[in-house]
Amino acid sequence: AVARLCVGKRVLDAFCYSGGFGLY
Protein backbone atom coordinates (compact mmCIF):
# COMPACT_ATOMS: atom_id res chain seq x y z
CA ALA A 1 0.00 0.00 0.00
CA VAL A 2 2.81 2.42 0.85
CA ALA A 3 4.80 1.52 -2.28
CA ARG A 4 1.98 2.82 -4.48
CA LEU A 5 2.54 6.29 -2.97
CA CYS A 6 6.31 6.33 -3.53
CA VAL A 7 6.63 6.59 -7.32
CA GLY A 8 9.14 9.34 -8.10
CA LYS A 9 9.41 10.28 -4.41
CA ARG A 10 12.25 10.73 -1.92
CA VAL A 11 11.67 8.09 0.76
CA LEU A 12 13.03 7.62 4.28
CA ASP A 13 12.53 4.17 5.84
CA ALA A 14 13.29 4.29 9.57
CA PHE A 15 13.88 0.97 11.39
CA CYS A 16 14.11 -0.77 8.03
CA TYR A 17 15.28 -4.18 9.36
CA SER A 18 15.91 -6.38 6.27
CA GLY A 19 14.61 -3.84 3.76
CA GLY A 20 10.83 -4.00 3.95
CA PHE A 21 9.17 -0.70 3.13
CA GLY A 22 12.30 0.82 1.57
CA LEU A 23 12.81 -2.01 -0.88
CA TYR A 24 9.16 -1.90 -1.89
mmCIF file of all heavy atoms, coordinates in Angstrom:
data_MODEL
# 
_entry.id   MODEL 
# 
loop_
_atom_site.group_PDB 
_atom_site.id 
_atom_site.type_symbol 
_atom_site.label_atom_id 
_atom_site.label_alt_id 
_atom_site.label_comp_id 
_atom_site.label_asym_id 
_atom_site.label_entity_id 
_atom_site.label_seq_id 
_atom_site.pdbx_PDB_ins_code 
_atom_site.Cartn_x 
_atom_site.Cartn_y 
_atom_site.Cartn_z 
_atom_site.occupancy 
_atom_site.B_iso_or_equiv 
_atom_site.pdbx_formal_charge 
_atom_site.auth_seq_id 
_atom_site.auth_comp_id 
_atom_site.auth_asym_id 
_atom_site.auth_atom_id 
_atom_site.pdbx_PDB_model_num 
ATOM 1   N N   . ALA A 1 1  ? 0.825  -1.207  0.000  1.00 0.00 ? 1  ALA A N   1 
ATOM 2   C CA  . ALA A 1 1  ? 0.000  0.000   0.000  1.00 0.00 ? 1  ALA A CA  1 
ATOM 3   C C   . ALA A 1 1  ? 0.860  1.257   0.000  1.00 0.00 ? 1  ALA A C   1 
ATOM 4   O O   . ALA A 1 1  ? 0.575  2.226   -0.722 1.00 0.00 ? 1  ALA A O   1 
ATOM 5   C CB  . ALA A 1 1  ? -0.930 -0.006  1.209  1.00 0.00 ? 1  ALA A CB  1 
ATOM 6   N N   . VAL A 1 2  ? 1.918  1.251   0.776  1.00 0.00 ? 2  VAL A N   1 
ATOM 7   C CA  . VAL A 1 2  ? 2.805  2.420   0.845  1.00 0.00 ? 2  VAL A CA  1 
ATOM 8   C C   . VAL A 1 2  ? 3.590  2.576   -0.451 1.00 0.00 ? 2  VAL A C   1 
ATOM 9   O O   . VAL A 1 2  ? 3.796  3.701   -0.945 1.00 0.00 ? 2  VAL A O   1 
ATOM 10  C CB  . VAL A 1 2  ? 3.755  2.289   2.049  1.00 0.00 ? 2  VAL A CB  1 
ATOM 11  C CG1 . VAL A 1 2  ? 4.833  3.377   2.022  1.00 0.00 ? 2  VAL A CG1 1 
ATOM 12  C CG2 . VAL A 1 2  ? 2.966  2.360   3.349  1.00 0.00 ? 2  VAL A CG2 1 
ATOM 13  N N   . ALA A 1 3  ? 4.010  1.463   -1.046 1.00 0.00 ? 3  ALA A N   1 
ATOM 14  C CA  . ALA A 1 3  ? 4.803  1.522   -2.280 1.00 0.00 ? 3  ALA A CA  1 
ATOM 15  C C   . ALA A 1 3  ? 4.074  2.278   -3.385 1.00 0.00 ? 3  ALA A C   1 
ATOM 16  O O   . ALA A 1 3  ? 4.703  2.998   -4.177 1.00 0.00 ? 3  ALA A O   1 
ATOM 17  C CB  . ALA A 1 3  ? 5.148  0.108   -2.746 1.00 0.00 ? 3  ALA A CB  1 
ATOM 18  N N   . ARG A 1 4  ? 2.761  2.141   -3.434 1.00 0.00 ? 4  ARG A N   1 
ATOM 19  C CA  . ARG A 1 4  ? 1.984  2.819   -4.478 1.00 0.00 ? 4  ARG A CA  1 
ATOM 20  C C   . ARG A 1 4  ? 2.068  4.347   -4.365 1.00 0.00 ? 4  ARG A C   1 
ATOM 21  O O   . ARG A 1 4  ? 1.810  5.052   -5.345 1.00 0.00 ? 4  ARG A O   1 
ATOM 22  C CB  . ARG A 1 4  ? 0.516  2.371   -4.397 1.00 0.00 ? 4  ARG A CB  1 
ATOM 23  C CG  . ARG A 1 4  ? 0.297  0.912   -4.775 1.00 0.00 ? 4  ARG A CG  1 
ATOM 24  C CD  . ARG A 1 4  ? -1.177 0.600   -4.962 1.00 0.00 ? 4  ARG A CD  1 
ATOM 25  N NE  . ARG A 1 4  ? -1.909 0.607   -3.703 1.00 0.00 ? 4  ARG A NE  1 
ATOM 26  C CZ  . ARG A 1 4  ? -2.087 -0.471  -2.936 1.00 0.00 ? 4  ARG A CZ  1 
ATOM 27  N NH1 . ARG A 1 4  ? -1.560 -1.645  -3.289 1.00 0.00 ? 4  ARG A NH1 1 
ATOM 28  N NH2 . ARG A 1 4  ? -2.798 -0.390  -1.824 1.00 0.00 ? 4  ARG A NH2 1 
ATOM 29  N N   . LEU A 1 5  ? 2.457  4.839   -3.192 1.00 0.00 ? 5  LEU A N   1 
ATOM 30  C CA  . LEU A 1 5  ? 2.545  6.287   -2.973 1.00 0.00 ? 5  LEU A CA  1 
ATOM 31  C C   . LEU A 1 5  ? 3.963  6.825   -3.144 1.00 0.00 ? 5  LEU A C   1 
ATOM 32  O O   . LEU A 1 5  ? 4.205  8.009   -2.922 1.00 0.00 ? 5  LEU A O   1 
ATOM 33  C CB  . LEU A 1 5  ? 2.053  6.616   -1.551 1.00 0.00 ? 5  LEU A CB  1 
ATOM 34  C CG  . LEU A 1 5  ? 0.630  6.148   -1.211 1.00 0.00 ? 5  LEU A CG  1 
ATOM 35  C CD1 . LEU A 1 5  ? 0.346  6.378   0.270  1.00 0.00 ? 5  LEU A CD1 1 
ATOM 36  C CD2 . LEU A 1 5  ? -0.393 6.863   -2.071 1.00 0.00 ? 5  LEU A CD2 1 
ATOM 37  N N   . CYS A 1 6  ? 4.889  5.954   -3.524 1.00 0.00 ? 6  CYS A N   1 
ATOM 38  C CA  . CYS A 1 6  ? 6.305  6.327   -3.533 1.00 0.00 ? 6  CYS A CA  1 
ATOM 39  C C   . CYS A 1 6  ? 6.892  6.558   -4.924 1.00 0.00 ? 6  CYS A C   1 
ATOM 40  O O   . CYS A 1 6  ? 8.087  6.850   -5.046 1.00 0.00 ? 6  CYS A O   1 
ATOM 41  C CB  . CYS A 1 6  ? 7.126  5.241   -2.820 1.00 0.00 ? 6  CYS A CB  1 
ATOM 42  S SG  . CYS A 1 6  ? 6.766  5.115   -1.059 1.00 0.00 ? 6  CYS A SG  1 
ATOM 43  N N   . VAL A 1 7  ? 6.117  6.432   -5.957 1.00 0.00 ? 7  VAL A N   1 
ATOM 44  C CA  . VAL A 1 7  ? 6.627  6.586   -7.320 1.00 0.00 ? 7  VAL A CA  1 
ATOM 45  C C   . VAL A 1 7  ? 7.201  7.998   -7.509 1.00 0.00 ? 7  VAL A C   1 
ATOM 46  O O   . VAL A 1 7  ? 6.512  8.999   -7.301 1.00 0.00 ? 7  VAL A O   1 
ATOM 47  C CB  . VAL A 1 7  ? 5.527  6.321   -8.356 1.00 0.00 ? 7  VAL A CB  1 
ATOM 48  C CG1 . VAL A 1 7  ? 6.074  6.476   -9.769 1.00 0.00 ? 7  VAL A CG1 1 
ATOM 49  C CG2 . VAL A 1 7  ? 4.914  4.938   -8.149 1.00 0.00 ? 7  VAL A CG2 1 
ATOM 50  N N   . GLY A 1 8  ? 8.480  8.066   -7.863 1.00 0.00 ? 8  GLY A N   1 
ATOM 51  C CA  . GLY A 1 8  ? 9.136  9.344   -8.103 1.00 0.00 ? 8  GLY A CA  1 
ATOM 52  C C   . GLY A 1 8  ? 9.426  10.150  -6.849 1.00 0.00 ? 8  GLY A C   1 
ATOM 53  O O   . GLY A 1 8  ? 9.844  11.314  -6.935 1.00 0.00 ? 8  GLY A O   1 
ATOM 54  N N   . LYS A 1 9  ? 9.266  9.547   -5.667 1.00 0.00 ? 9  LYS A N   1 
ATOM 55  C CA  . LYS A 1 9  ? 9.405  10.277  -4.406 1.00 0.00 ? 9  LYS A CA  1 
ATOM 56  C C   . LYS A 1 9  ? 10.729 9.986   -3.701 1.00 0.00 ? 9  LYS A C   1 
ATOM 57  O O   . LYS A 1 9  ? 11.365 8.962   -3.924 1.00 0.00 ? 9  LYS A O   1 
ATOM 58  C CB  . LYS A 1 9  ? 8.254  9.904   -3.458 1.00 0.00 ? 9  LYS A CB  1 
ATOM 59  C CG  . LYS A 1 9  ? 6.859  10.097  -4.034 1.00 0.00 ? 9  LYS A CG  1 
ATOM 60  C CD  . LYS A 1 9  ? 6.553  11.550  -4.312 1.00 0.00 ? 9  LYS A CD  1 
ATOM 61  C CE  . LYS A 1 9  ? 5.109  11.732  -4.754 1.00 0.00 ? 9  LYS A CE  1 
ATOM 62  N NZ  . LYS A 1 9  ? 4.779  13.139  -5.063 1.00 0.00 ? 9  LYS A NZ  1 
ATOM 63  N N   . ARG A 1 10 ? 11.117 10.931  -2.832 1.00 0.00 ? 10 ARG A N   1 
ATOM 64  C CA  . ARG A 1 10 ? 12.250 10.733  -1.921 1.00 0.00 ? 10 ARG A CA  1 
ATOM 65  C C   . ARG A 1 10 ? 11.714 10.079  -0.650 1.00 0.00 ? 10 ARG A C   1 
ATOM 66  O O   . ARG A 1 10 ? 10.835 10.630  0.000  1.00 0.00 ? 10 ARG A O   1 
ATOM 67  C CB  . ARG A 1 10 ? 12.902 12.067  -1.579 1.00 0.00 ? 10 ARG A CB  1 
ATOM 68  C CG  . ARG A 1 10 ? 13.470 12.840  -2.769 1.00 0.00 ? 10 ARG A CG  1 
ATOM 69  C CD  . ARG A 1 10 ? 13.731 14.297  -2.396 1.00 0.00 ? 10 ARG A CD  1 
ATOM 70  N NE  . ARG A 1 10 ? 12.484 14.998  -2.071 1.00 0.00 ? 10 ARG A NE  1 
ATOM 71  C CZ  . ARG A 1 10 ? 12.431 16.246  -1.597 1.00 0.00 ? 10 ARG A CZ  1 
ATOM 72  N NH1 . ARG A 1 10 ? 13.541 16.921  -1.369 1.00 0.00 ? 10 ARG A NH1 1 
ATOM 73  N NH2 . ARG A 1 10 ? 11.262 16.796  -1.329 1.00 0.00 ? 10 ARG A NH2 1 
ATOM 74  N N   . VAL A 1 11 ? 12.256 8.904   -0.305 1.00 0.00 ? 11 VAL A N   1 
ATOM 75  C CA  . VAL A 1 11 ? 11.670 8.089   0.761  1.00 0.00 ? 11 VAL A CA  1 
ATOM 76  C C   . VAL A 1 11 ? 12.688 7.836   1.866  1.00 0.00 ? 11 VAL A C   1 
ATOM 77  O O   . VAL A 1 11 ? 13.848 7.499   1.596  1.00 0.00 ? 11 VAL A O   1 
ATOM 78  C CB  . VAL A 1 11 ? 11.165 6.738   0.204  1.00 0.00 ? 11 VAL A CB  1 
ATOM 79  C CG1 . VAL A 1 11 ? 10.580 5.876   1.325  1.00 0.00 ? 11 VAL A CG1 1 
ATOM 80  C CG2 . VAL A 1 11 ? 10.124 6.966   -0.892 1.00 0.00 ? 11 VAL A CG2 1 
ATOM 81  N N   . LEU A 1 12 ? 12.237 7.981   3.104  1.00 0.00 ? 12 LEU A N   1 
ATOM 82  C CA  . LEU A 1 12 ? 13.033 7.616   4.279  1.00 0.00 ? 12 LEU A CA  1 
ATOM 83  C C   . LEU A 1 12 ? 12.345 6.456   4.978  1.00 0.00 ? 12 LEU A C   1 
ATOM 84  O O   . LEU A 1 12 ? 11.163 6.547   5.334  1.00 0.00 ? 12 LEU A O   1 
ATOM 85  C CB  . LEU A 1 12 ? 13.146 8.806   5.245  1.00 0.00 ? 12 LEU A CB  1 
ATOM 86  C CG  . LEU A 1 12 ? 13.768 8.501   6.629  1.00 0.00 ? 12 LEU A CG  1 
ATOM 87  C CD1 . LEU A 1 12 ? 15.216 8.052   6.490  1.00 0.00 ? 12 LEU A CD1 1 
ATOM 88  C CD2 . LEU A 1 12 ? 13.657 9.725   7.539  1.00 0.00 ? 12 LEU A CD2 1 
ATOM 89  N N   . ASP A 1 13 ? 13.056 5.347   5.159  1.00 0.00 ? 13 ASP A N   1 
ATOM 90  C CA  . ASP A 1 13 ? 12.527 4.166   5.842  1.00 0.00 ? 13 ASP A CA  1 
ATOM 91  C C   . ASP A 1 13 ? 13.281 3.993   7.151  1.00 0.00 ? 13 ASP A C   1 
ATOM 92  O O   . ASP A 1 13 ? 14.431 3.555   7.170  1.00 0.00 ? 13 ASP A O   1 
ATOM 93  C CB  . ASP A 1 13 ? 12.693 2.927   4.946  1.00 0.00 ? 13 ASP A CB  1 
ATOM 94  C CG  . ASP A 1 13 ? 12.156 1.658   5.592  1.00 0.00 ? 13 ASP A CG  1 
ATOM 95  O OD1 . ASP A 1 13 ? 11.453 1.753   6.609  1.00 0.00 ? 13 ASP A OD1 1 
ATOM 96  O OD2 . ASP A 1 13 ? 12.444 0.562   5.068  1.00 0.00 ? 13 ASP A OD2 1 
ATOM 97  N N   . ALA A 1 14 ? 12.639 4.367   8.258  1.00 0.00 ? 14 ALA A N   1 
ATOM 98  C CA  . ALA A 1 14 ? 13.289 4.292   9.573  1.00 0.00 ? 14 ALA A CA  1 
ATOM 99  C C   . ALA A 1 14 ? 12.958 2.963   10.242 1.00 0.00 ? 14 ALA A C   1 
ATOM 100 O O   . ALA A 1 14 ? 11.805 2.531   10.234 1.00 0.00 ? 14 ALA A O   1 
ATOM 101 C CB  . ALA A 1 14 ? 12.824 5.456   10.440 1.00 0.00 ? 14 ALA A CB  1 
ATOM 102 N N   . PHE A 1 15 ? 13.971 2.323   10.835 1.00 0.00 ? 15 PHE A N   1 
ATOM 103 C CA  . PHE A 1 15 ? 13.878 0.969   11.390 1.00 0.00 ? 15 PHE A CA  1 
ATOM 104 C C   . PHE A 1 15 ? 13.561 -0.004  10.256 1.00 0.00 ? 15 PHE A C   1 
ATOM 105 O O   . PHE A 1 15 ? 12.570 -0.742  10.286 1.00 0.00 ? 15 PHE A O   1 
ATOM 106 C CB  . PHE A 1 15 ? 12.789 0.885   12.468 1.00 0.00 ? 15 PHE A CB  1 
ATOM 107 C CG  . PHE A 1 15 ? 12.943 1.867   13.593 1.00 0.00 ? 15 PHE A CG  1 
ATOM 108 C CD1 . PHE A 1 15 ? 12.235 3.066   13.576 1.00 0.00 ? 15 PHE A CD1 1 
ATOM 109 C CD2 . PHE A 1 15 ? 13.791 1.617   14.664 1.00 0.00 ? 15 PHE A CD2 1 
ATOM 110 C CE1 . PHE A 1 15 ? 12.358 3.988   14.599 1.00 0.00 ? 15 PHE A CE1 1 
ATOM 111 C CE2 . PHE A 1 15 ? 13.921 2.533   15.699 1.00 0.00 ? 15 PHE A CE2 1 
ATOM 112 C CZ  . PHE A 1 15 ? 13.202 3.723   15.673 1.00 0.00 ? 15 PHE A CZ  1 
ATOM 113 N N   . CYS A 1 16 ? 14.413 -0.039  9.264  1.00 0.00 ? 16 CYS A N   1 
ATOM 114 C CA  . CYS A 1 16 ? 14.111 -0.774  8.027  1.00 0.00 ? 16 CYS A CA  1 
ATOM 115 C C   . CYS A 1 16 ? 14.274 -2.274  8.146  1.00 0.00 ? 16 CYS A C   1 
ATOM 116 O O   . CYS A 1 16 ? 13.801 -3.018  7.300  1.00 0.00 ? 16 CYS A O   1 
ATOM 117 C CB  . CYS A 1 16 ? 14.994 -0.258  6.894  1.00 0.00 ? 16 CYS A CB  1 
ATOM 118 S SG  . CYS A 1 16 ? 16.756 -0.664  7.076  1.00 0.00 ? 16 CYS A SG  1 
ATOM 119 N N   . TYR A 1 17 ? 14.980 -2.770  9.180  1.00 0.00 ? 17 TYR A N   1 
ATOM 120 C CA  . TYR A 1 17 ? 15.276 -4.183  9.364  1.00 0.00 ? 17 TYR A CA  1 
ATOM 121 C C   . TYR A 1 17 ? 15.899 -4.748  8.080  1.00 0.00 ? 17 TYR A C   1 
ATOM 122 O O   . TYR A 1 17 ? 16.924 -4.256  7.624  1.00 0.00 ? 17 TYR A O   1 
ATOM 123 C CB  . TYR A 1 17 ? 14.043 -4.956  9.824  1.00 0.00 ? 17 TYR A CB  1 
ATOM 124 C CG  . TYR A 1 17 ? 14.300 -6.411  10.134 1.00 0.00 ? 17 TYR A CG  1 
ATOM 125 C CD1 . TYR A 1 17 ? 15.417 -6.800  10.882 1.00 0.00 ? 17 TYR A CD1 1 
ATOM 126 C CD2 . TYR A 1 17 ? 13.459 -7.414  9.669  1.00 0.00 ? 17 TYR A CD2 1 
ATOM 127 C CE1 . TYR A 1 17 ? 15.673 -8.134  11.160 1.00 0.00 ? 17 TYR A CE1 1 
ATOM 128 C CE2 . TYR A 1 17 ? 13.698 -8.759  9.955  1.00 0.00 ? 17 TYR A CE2 1 
ATOM 129 C CZ  . TYR A 1 17 ? 14.809 -9.102  10.683 1.00 0.00 ? 17 TYR A CZ  1 
ATOM 130 O OH  . TYR A 1 17 ? 15.056 -10.424 10.944 1.00 0.00 ? 17 TYR A OH  1 
ATOM 131 N N   . SER A 1 18 ? 15.284 -5.750  7.440  1.00 0.00 ? 18 SER A N   1 
ATOM 132 C CA  . SER A 1 18 ? 15.911 -6.383  6.271  1.00 0.00 ? 18 SER A CA  1 
ATOM 133 C C   . SER A 1 18 ? 15.485 -5.754  4.952  1.00 0.00 ? 18 SER A C   1 
ATOM 134 O O   . SER A 1 18 ? 15.708 -6.325  3.894  1.00 0.00 ? 18 SER A O   1 
ATOM 135 C CB  . SER A 1 18 ? 15.606 -7.888  6.246  1.00 0.00 ? 18 SER A CB  1 
ATOM 136 O OG  . SER A 1 18 ? 14.213 -8.116  6.162  1.00 0.00 ? 18 SER A OG  1 
ATOM 137 N N   . GLY A 1 19 ? 14.901 -4.578  5.000  1.00 0.00 ? 19 GLY A N   1 
ATOM 138 C CA  . GLY A 1 19 ? 14.610 -3.844  3.763  1.00 0.00 ? 19 GLY A CA  1 
ATOM 139 C C   . GLY A 1 19 ? 13.188 -3.365  3.648  1.00 0.00 ? 19 GLY A C   1 
ATOM 140 O O   . GLY A 1 19 ? 12.924 -2.219  3.310  1.00 0.00 ? 19 GLY A O   1 
ATOM 141 N N   . GLY A 1 20 ? 12.243 -4.287  3.857  1.00 0.00 ? 20 GLY A N   1 
ATOM 142 C CA  . GLY A 1 20 ? 10.831 -3.999  3.946  1.00 0.00 ? 20 GLY A CA  1 
ATOM 143 C C   . GLY A 1 20 ? 10.293 -2.866  3.113  1.00 0.00 ? 20 GLY A C   1 
ATOM 144 O O   . GLY A 1 20 ? 10.306 -2.900  1.877  1.00 0.00 ? 20 GLY A O   1 
ATOM 145 N N   . PHE A 1 21 ? 9.810  -1.824  3.795  1.00 0.00 ? 21 PHE A N   1 
ATOM 146 C CA  . PHE A 1 21 ? 9.166  -0.696  3.125  1.00 0.00 ? 21 PHE A CA  1 
ATOM 147 C C   . PHE A 1 21 ? 10.096 -0.026  2.118  1.00 0.00 ? 21 PHE A C   1 
ATOM 148 O O   . PHE A 1 21 ? 9.668  0.354   1.023  1.00 0.00 ? 21 PHE A O   1 
ATOM 149 C CB  . PHE A 1 21 ? 8.718  0.335   4.160  1.00 0.00 ? 21 PHE A CB  1 
ATOM 150 C CG  . PHE A 1 21 ? 7.484  -0.054  4.923  1.00 0.00 ? 21 PHE A CG  1 
ATOM 151 C CD1 . PHE A 1 21 ? 7.582  -0.623  6.185  1.00 0.00 ? 21 PHE A CD1 1 
ATOM 152 C CD2 . PHE A 1 21 ? 6.219  0.149   4.373  1.00 0.00 ? 21 PHE A CD2 1 
ATOM 153 C CE1 . PHE A 1 21 ? 6.438  -0.977  6.898  1.00 0.00 ? 21 PHE A CE1 1 
ATOM 154 C CE2 . PHE A 1 21 ? 5.071  -0.203  5.074  1.00 0.00 ? 21 PHE A CE2 1 
ATOM 155 C CZ  . PHE A 1 21 ? 5.188  -0.770  6.345  1.00 0.00 ? 21 PHE A CZ  1 
ATOM 156 N N   . GLY A 1 22 ? 11.368 0.136   2.467  1.00 0.00 ? 22 GLY A N   1 
ATOM 157 C CA  . GLY A 1 22 ? 12.298 0.821   1.574  1.00 0.00 ? 22 GLY A CA  1 
ATOM 158 C C   . GLY A 1 22 ? 12.510 0.088   0.269  1.00 0.00 ? 22 GLY A C   1 
ATOM 159 O O   . GLY A 1 22 ? 12.555 0.706   -0.809 1.00 0.00 ? 22 GLY A O   1 
ATOM 160 N N   . LEU A 1 23 ? 12.624 -1.227  0.336  1.00 0.00 ? 23 LEU A N   1 
ATOM 161 C CA  . LEU A 1 23 ? 12.806 -2.013  -0.881 1.00 0.00 ? 23 LEU A CA  1 
ATOM 162 C C   . LEU A 1 23 ? 11.563 -1.972  -1.763 1.00 0.00 ? 23 LEU A C   1 
ATOM 163 O O   . LEU A 1 23 ? 11.655 -1.872  -2.982 1.00 0.00 ? 23 LEU A O   1 
ATOM 164 C CB  . LEU A 1 23 ? 13.156 -3.456  -0.526 1.00 0.00 ? 23 LEU A CB  1 
ATOM 165 C CG  . LEU A 1 23 ? 14.543 -3.675  0.089  1.00 0.00 ? 23 LEU A CG  1 
ATOM 166 C CD1 . LEU A 1 23 ? 14.684 -5.094  0.590  1.00 0.00 ? 23 LEU A CD1 1 
ATOM 167 C CD2 . LEU A 1 23 ? 15.635 -3.364  -0.927 1.00 0.00 ? 23 LEU A CD2 1 
ATOM 168 N N   . TYR A 1 24 ? 10.403 -2.038  -1.138 1.00 0.00 ? 24 TYR A N   1 
ATOM 169 C CA  . TYR A 1 24 ? 9.157  -1.904  -1.895 1.00 0.00 ? 24 TYR A CA  1 
ATOM 170 C C   . TYR A 1 24 ? 9.089  -0.558  -2.601 1.00 0.00 ? 24 TYR A C   1 
ATOM 171 O O   . TYR A 1 24 ? 8.687  -0.452  -3.764 1.00 0.00 ? 24 TYR A O   1 
ATOM 172 C CB  . TYR A 1 24 ? 7.950  -2.052  -0.962 1.00 0.00 ? 24 TYR A CB  1 
ATOM 173 C CG  . TYR A 1 24 ? 7.368  -3.439  -0.871 1.00 0.00 ? 24 TYR A CG  1 
ATOM 174 C CD1 . TYR A 1 24 ? 8.048  -4.453  -0.202 1.00 0.00 ? 24 TYR A CD1 1 
ATOM 175 C CD2 . TYR A 1 24 ? 6.143  -3.737  -1.433 1.00 0.00 ? 24 TYR A CD2 1 
ATOM 176 C CE1 . TYR A 1 24 ? 7.504  -5.727  -0.086 1.00 0.00 ? 24 TYR A CE1 1 
ATOM 177 C CE2 . TYR A 1 24 ? 5.581  -5.007  -1.327 1.00 0.00 ? 24 TYR A CE2 1 
ATOM 178 C CZ  . TYR A 1 24 ? 6.277  -5.999  -0.660 1.00 0.00 ? 24 TYR A CZ  1 
ATOM 179 O OH  . TYR A 1 24 ? 5.733  -7.263  -0.554 1.00 0.00 ? 24 TYR A OH  1 
# 
